[in-house]
Amino acid sequence: MLAFMMDLDRELWRLASRPRPGTNEVAPAQFEMAPVYEATSVGSDHNMIVMSTMRRLAARHDLMFLATRSLS
């Protein structure tokens, strides 16, 4: 998991999307990411970049990427 998070951090910096991957503060296998607040139009684009990057890197690391969708 740590290798995935390190690759994610490196890839997001390369793509100029800068959320801050956090540590496993809640549980040993649960990691967090803190968003960087920015203009809505830029933030939504960065959110899409982060989600697609996580999906792609998860497959590379033999992980399953699960994301929830808002129903609102």
C-alpha atoms as a PDB file:
ATOM      1  CA  MET A   1       0.000   0.000   0.000  1.00  0.00           C
ATOM      2  CA  LEU A   2       2.841   2.341   0.780  1.00  0.00           C
ATOM      3  CA  ALA A   3       4.291   1.780  -2.708  1.00  0.00           C
ATOM      4  CA  PHE A   4       0.895   2.687  -4.202  1.00  0.00           C
ATOM      5  CA  MET A   5       0.686   5.886  -2.141  1.00  0.00           C
ATOM      6  CA  MET A   6       4.227   6.887  -3.095  1.00  0.00           C
ATOM      7  CA  ASP A   7       3.501   6.284  -6.792  1.00  0.00           C
ATOM      8  CA  LEU A   8       0.243   8.223  -6.479  1.00  0.00           C
ATOM      9  CA  ASP A   9       1.995  11.183  -4.872  1.00  0.00           C
ATOM     10  CA  ARG A  10       4.699  11.200  -7.552  1.00  0.00           C
ATOM     11  CA  GLU A  11       2.205  10.885 -10.408  1.00  0.00           C
ATOM     12  CA  LEU A  12      -0.103  13.621  -9.098  1.00  0.00           C
ATOM     13  CA  TRP A  13       2.790  16.050  -8.728  1.00  0.00           C
ATOM     14  CA  ARG A  14       3.820  15.221 -12.290  1.00  0.00           C
ATOM     15  CA  LEU A  15       0.276  16.000 -13.467  1.00  0.00           C
ATOM     16  CA  ALA A  16       0.187  19.273 -11.476  1.00  0.00           C
ATOM     17  CA  SER A  17      -2.634  18.079  -9.231  1.00  0.00           C
ATOM     18  CA  ARG A  18      -1.567  18.533  -5.643  1.00  0.00           C
ATOM     19  CA  PRO A  19      -3.719  16.787  -3.058  1.00  0.00           C
ATOM     20  CA  ARG A  20      -1.684  15.728  -0.081  1.00  0.00           C
ATOM     21  CA  PRO A  21      -1.668  11.972   0.512  1.00  0.00           C
ATOM     22  CA  GLY A  22      -1.827  11.423   4.233  1.00  0.00           C
ATOM     23  CA  THR A  23      -0.653   8.709   6.554  1.00  0.00           C
ATOM     24  CA  ASN A  24      -2.605   5.809   7.985  1.00  0.00           C
ATOM     25  CA  GLU A  25      -3.863   7.658  11.044  1.00  0.00           C
ATOM     26  CA  VAL A  26      -7.181   5.860  11.434  1.00  0.00           C
ATOM     27  CA  ALA A  27      -6.236   2.227  10.906  1.00  0.00           C
ATOM     28  CA  PRO A  28      -3.169   0.333   9.667  1.00  0.00           C
ATOM     29  CA  ALA A  29      -4.567  -0.248   6.145  1.00  0.00           C
ATOM     30  CA  GLN A  30      -6.580   2.957   5.729  1.00  0.00           C
ATOM     31  CA  PHE A  31      -4.933   5.918   4.017  1.00  0.00           C
ATOM     32  CA  GLU A  32      -6.320   9.411   3.505  1.00  0.00           C
ATOM     33  CA  MET A  33      -5.847  12.283   1.087  1.00  0.00           C
ATOM     34  CA  ALA A  34      -6.368  15.923   1.990  1.00  0.00           C
ATOM     35  CA  PRO A  35      -7.678  18.163  -0.788  1.00  0.00           C
ATOM     36  CA  VAL A  36      -6.089  21.504  -1.492  1.00  0.00           C
ATOM     37  CA  TYR A  37      -8.865  24.072  -1.701  1.00  0.00           C
ATOM     38  CA  GLU A  38      -8.978  26.004  -4.957  1.00  0.00           C
ATOM     39  CA  ALA A  39     -11.441  27.479  -7.449  1.00  0.00           C
ATOM     40  CA  THR A  40     -14.358  25.145  -8.186  1.00  0.00           C
ATOM     41  CA  SER A  41     -13.589  24.766 -11.885  1.00  0.00           C
ATOM     42  CA  VAL A  42      -9.957  23.845 -11.204  1.00  0.00           C
ATOM     43  CA  GLY A  43     -10.825  21.672  -8.209  1.00  0.00           C
ATOM     44  CA  SER A  44     -13.312  19.565 -10.162  1.00  0.00           C
ATOM     45  CA  ASP A  45     -10.738  19.009 -12.911  1.00  0.00           C
ATOM     46  CA  HIS A  46      -8.154  17.983 -10.332  1.00  0.00           C
ATOM     47  CA  ASN A  47     -10.676  15.639  -8.733  1.00  0.00           C
ATOM     48  CA  MET A  48     -11.173  13.857 -12.068  1.00  0.00           C
ATOM     49  CA  ILE A  49      -7.398  13.609 -12.553  1.00  0.00           C
ATOM     50  CA  VAL A  50      -6.973  12.137  -9.063  1.00  0.00           C
ATOM     51  CA  MET A  51      -9.751   9.575  -9.541  1.00  0.00           C
ATOM     52  CA  SER A  52      -8.494   8.368 -12.926  1.00  0.00           C
ATOM     53  CA  THR A  53      -4.901   8.237 -11.675  1.00  0.00           C
ATOM     54  CA  MET A  54      -5.912   6.221  -8.618  1.00  0.00           C
ATOM     55  CA  ARG A  55      -7.875   3.796 -10.798  1.00  0.00           C
ATOM     56  CA  ARG A  56      -4.918   3.311 -13.169  1.00  0.00           C
ATOM     57  CA  LEU A  57      -2.311   2.929 -10.416  1.00  0.00           C
ATOM     58  CA  ALA A  58      -4.477   0.548  -8.383  1.00  0.00           C
ATOM     59  CA  ALA A  59      -4.525  -1.898 -11.284  1.00  0.00           C
ATOM     60  CA  ARG A  60      -0.749  -1.598 -11.619  1.00  0.00           C
ATOM     61  CA  HIS A  61      -0.322  -2.500  -7.929  1.00  0.00           C
ATOM     62  CA  ASP A  62      -2.880  -5.349  -8.009  1.00  0.00           C
ATOM     63  CA  LEU A  63      -5.327  -3.388  -5.853  1.00  0.00           C
ATOM     64  CA  MET A  64      -9.054  -2.836  -6.247  1.00  0.00           C
ATOM     65  CA  PHE A  65     -10.119   0.803  -6.617  1.00  0.00           C
ATOM     66  CA  LEU A  66     -13.501   1.502  -5.025  1.00  0.00           C
ATOM     67  CA  ALA A  67     -15.117   4.907  -5.227  1.00  0.00           C
ATOM     68  CA  THR A  68     -18.495   6.032  -4.038  1.00  0.00           C
ATOM     69  CA  ARG A  69     -20.669   8.403  -5.985  1.00  0.00           C
ATOM     70  CA  SER A  70     -22.760  11.139  -4.494  1.00  0.00           C
ATOM     71  CA  LEU A  71     -26.497  10.698  -5.068  1.00  0.00           C
ATOM     72  CA  SER A  72     -27.249  14.404  -4.784  1.00  0.00           C
END
